[in-house]
Protein backbone atom coordinates (compact mmCIF):
# COMPACT_ATOMS: atom_id res chain seq x y z
CA MET A 1 -24.77 -8.78 -19.31
CA ASP A 2 -28.27 -9.42 -18.01
CA ASN A 3 -30.38 -6.43 -19.05
CA ASN A 4 -33.08 -7.35 -16.51
CA ILE A 5 -30.90 -6.34 -13.55
CA ALA A 6 -30.20 -2.64 -13.08
CA PRO A 7 -26.51 -1.68 -13.01
CA ARG A 8 -25.21 -0.82 -9.57
CA ILE A 9 -21.94 0.54 -8.15
CA THR A 10 -21.17 0.26 -4.45
CA VAL A 11 -18.10 1.99 -3.01
CA LEU A 12 -16.52 -0.60 -0.73
CA GLY A 13 -13.79 1.61 0.63
CA VAL A 14 -11.80 4.81 0.36
CA TYR A 15 -8.21 4.24 1.40
CA LYS A 16 -5.32 6.52 2.27
CA PHE A 17 -1.65 5.61 2.21
CA ALA A 18 -0.24 4.53 5.54
CA GLY A 19 3.38 4.70 6.57
CA ASP A 20 5.84 7.39 7.40
CA ARG A 21 8.04 9.46 5.17
CA SER A 22 11.29 7.74 6.18
CA GLU A 23 9.80 4.37 5.16
CA TYR A 24 8.78 5.88 1.80
CA GLU A 25 12.23 7.43 1.24
CA GLU A 26 13.88 4.08 2.04
CA LEU A 27 11.68 2.40 -0.56
CA LEU A 28 12.71 5.00 -3.16
CA ARG A 29 16.37 4.54 -2.23
CA ARG A 30 16.11 0.76 -2.71
CA GLU A 31 14.38 1.23 -6.07
CA LEU A 32 17.11 3.64 -7.14
CA GLU A 33 19.85 1.20 -6.16
CA ALA A 34 18.14 -1.66 -8.01
CA SER A 35 17.61 0.17 -11.30
CA ASP A 36 20.34 1.29 -13.69
CA GLU A 37 17.73 3.37 -15.53
CA LEU A 38 16.69 5.25 -12.38
CA ARG A 39 20.31 5.80 -11.29
CA GLU A 40 21.07 7.29 -14.71
CA GLN A 41 17.91 9.44 -14.63
CA TRP A 42 18.84 10.94 -11.24
CA ALA A 43 22.62 11.10 -11.70
CA ASP A 44 22.48 14.91 -11.78
CA GLY A 45 20.51 15.13 -8.53
CA GLY A 46 16.96 16.26 -8.03
CA LEU A 47 15.80 12.97 -6.52
CA ALA A 48 14.97 14.62 -3.18
CA ASP A 49 12.71 17.18 -4.90
CA TYR A 50 11.07 14.46 -6.96
CA ALA A 51 10.55 12.29 -3.88
CA ALA A 52 8.96 15.21 -2.01
CA SER A 53 6.55 15.96 -4.87
CA ILE A 54 5.51 12.31 -5.12
CA TRP A 55 5.06 12.13 -1.33
CA ASP A 56 2.70 15.13 -1.50
CA LEU A 57 0.69 13.55 -4.37
CA ARG A 58 0.38 10.26 -2.48
CA GLU A 59 -0.55 11.86 0.82
CA ASN A 60 -3.38 13.85 -0.75
CA ALA A 61 -4.68 10.97 -2.87
CA ALA A 62 -7.15 8.26 -1.98
CA LEU A 63 -7.67 4.84 -3.50
CA VAL A 64 -11.33 4.10 -4.12
CA GLU A 65 -12.49 0.49 -4.44
CA ALA A 66 -15.97 -0.16 -5.84
CA LEU A 67 -18.03 -3.20 -6.66
CA VAL A 68 -19.69 -2.97 -10.09
CA GLU A 69 -22.72 -5.20 -10.62
CA SER A 70 -24.59 -5.78 -13.88
CA PRO A 71 -22.73 -3.09 -15.85
CA ASP A 72 -24.13 -2.06 -19.20
CA ASN A 73 -22.60 -0.17 -22.12
CA GLN A 74 -22.95 3.10 -20.20
CA PHE A 75 -20.36 2.07 -17.57
CA ASP A 76 -16.98 3.73 -17.99
CA ALA A 77 -14.37 3.83 -15.21
CA GLY A 78 -13.22 7.13 -16.71
CA ASP A 79 -16.49 8.69 -15.52
CA PHE A 80 -15.48 8.53 -11.85
CA MET A 81 -14.75 12.03 -10.56
CA GLN A 82 -15.06 13.93 -7.32
CA ALA A 83 -17.34 16.92 -7.65
CA ASP A 84 -15.94 20.00 -5.90
CA PRO A 85 -18.27 23.01 -5.84
CA SER A 86 -15.38 25.27 -4.76
CA THR A 87 -13.76 25.00 -8.19
CA VAL A 88 -14.75 24.84 -11.86
CA ARG A 89 -15.69 21.43 -13.24
CA ASP A 90 -12.54 21.30 -15.40
CA ASN A 91 -10.53 21.15 -12.14
CA TRP A 92 -12.51 18.32 -10.55
CA GLN A 93 -10.33 15.31 -9.80
CA VAL A 94 -10.88 12.24 -11.97
CA ALA A 95 -10.02 8.56 -11.65
CA TRP A 96 -6.31 7.80 -12.05
CA MET A 97 -4.87 4.36 -12.80
CA GLU A 98 -8.17 2.51 -13.06
CA THR A 99 -7.57 -1.15 -12.28
CA TYR A 100 -10.11 -3.94 -12.64
CA LEU A 101 -10.18 -6.63 -9.96
CA SER A 102 -12.06 -9.88 -9.59
CA ALA A 103 -15.42 -9.73 -7.79
CA ASP A 104 -13.77 -10.92 -4.57
CA GLY A 105 -11.05 -8.26 -4.90
CA GLU A 106 -8.21 -10.78 -4.65
CA THR A 107 -6.99 -10.84 -8.27
CA CYS A 108 -6.01 -8.12 -10.71
CA VAL A 109 -7.88 -8.52 -13.99
CA SER A 110 -6.40 -5.56 -15.89
CA LEU A 111 -4.03 -2.65 -15.23
CA GLU A 112 -4.62 -1.18 -18.68
CA ARG A 113 -6.59 2.05 -18.38
CA SER A 114 -7.78 1.83 -21.98
CA HIS A 115 -9.02 -1.74 -21.47
CA ARG A 116 -12.79 -2.20 -21.57
CA HIS A 117 -14.25 -3.44 -18.31
CA PRO A 118 -14.36 -7.20 -17.73
CA ASN A 119 -17.22 -9.02 -19.39
CA GLU A 120 -18.46 -10.30 -16.05
CA GLN A 121 -21.72 -9.88 -14.13
CA SER A 122 -19.75 -8.31 -11.27
CA PHE A 123 -16.19 -7.10 -10.71
CA ARG A 124 -14.34 -4.49 -8.72
CA VAL A 125 -12.64 -1.37 -9.96
CA ALA A 126 -10.00 0.49 -7.98
CA PHE A 127 -8.62 3.91 -8.85
CA PHE A 128 -6.87 6.85 -7.28
CA ILE A 129 -8.41 10.30 -6.87
CA HIS A 130 -5.82 13.02 -6.23
CA GLU A 131 -6.64 15.74 -3.71
CA TRP A 132 -9.39 13.59 -2.16
CA LYS A 133 -11.81 15.62 -0.07
CA PRO A 134 -13.94 13.54 2.34
CA GLY A 135 -17.60 14.50 2.26
CA LEU A 136 -17.66 15.63 -1.38
CA PRO A 137 -19.63 13.47 -3.82
CA LEU A 138 -18.05 10.88 -6.08
CA LEU A 139 -19.73 10.80 -9.48
CA SER A 140 -20.00 7.73 -11.69
CA SER A 141 -21.58 6.63 -14.96
CA TYR A 142 -24.79 6.04 -12.99
CA GLY A 143 -24.80 9.15 -10.79
CA PRO A 144 -23.43 10.13 -7.36
CA LEU A 145 -22.13 7.48 -4.97
CA ALA A 146 -21.96 7.38 -1.19
CA CYS A 147 -18.42 6.94 0.14
CA PRO A 148 -17.26 5.80 3.55
CA ASP A 149 -14.69 7.77 5.52
CA PRO A 150 -11.08 7.10 4.48
CA ALA A 151 -9.31 4.18 6.16
CA PRO A 152 -5.72 2.88 5.92
CA MET A 153 -5.00 1.09 2.66
CA PRO A 154 -5.13 -2.71 2.95
CA GLU A 155 -1.98 -4.62 1.97
CA ARG A 156 -4.00 -6.48 -0.69
CA LEU A 157 -4.65 -3.20 -2.53
CA ARG A 158 -1.09 -1.94 -2.07
CA ARG A 159 0.03 -5.08 -3.87
CA LEU A 160 -2.66 -5.18 -6.58
CA VAL A 161 -2.88 -1.44 -7.36
CA PRO A 162 0.56 0.10 -6.92
CA TYR A 163 0.63 3.87 -7.13
CA SER A 164 2.38 5.53 -10.03
CA PRO A 165 2.44 9.34 -10.22
CA PRO A 166 1.07 11.24 -13.20
CA ASP A 167 3.66 12.30 -15.76
């Protein structure tokens, strides 16, 4: 990386899931029908409770997309967190499912959370923050970042950064 240019992170968007619950439940039903493993896992019931808990996680989460320019060794996608003064720091929400994208945001570079960031002058990183609270600061390796108001999630990001709930 060029050490003469200061690292910079710009939040391009904060996105919420769009769609209604019946659409989501239909998607889960189709996934269940298509997977022997899932059918076996939910043979004893409990799928409705699981679906409801995942719906709640999704509905309260936001996908943040940021452009990273001239990163140095200090940059770590694991440093993204939303500061919430109403709770102790240990309960602040952190980046989930960090995904690196090309600089134009059209191609997934890596879904591996342990993967070091791309060795590029600029790239995008997308990640989920659970329990997103508009107006609270988003912290990064380089300090607090300004975030736009949440908008519906673009289809491009739905495809490139599919949501998977925490274990």
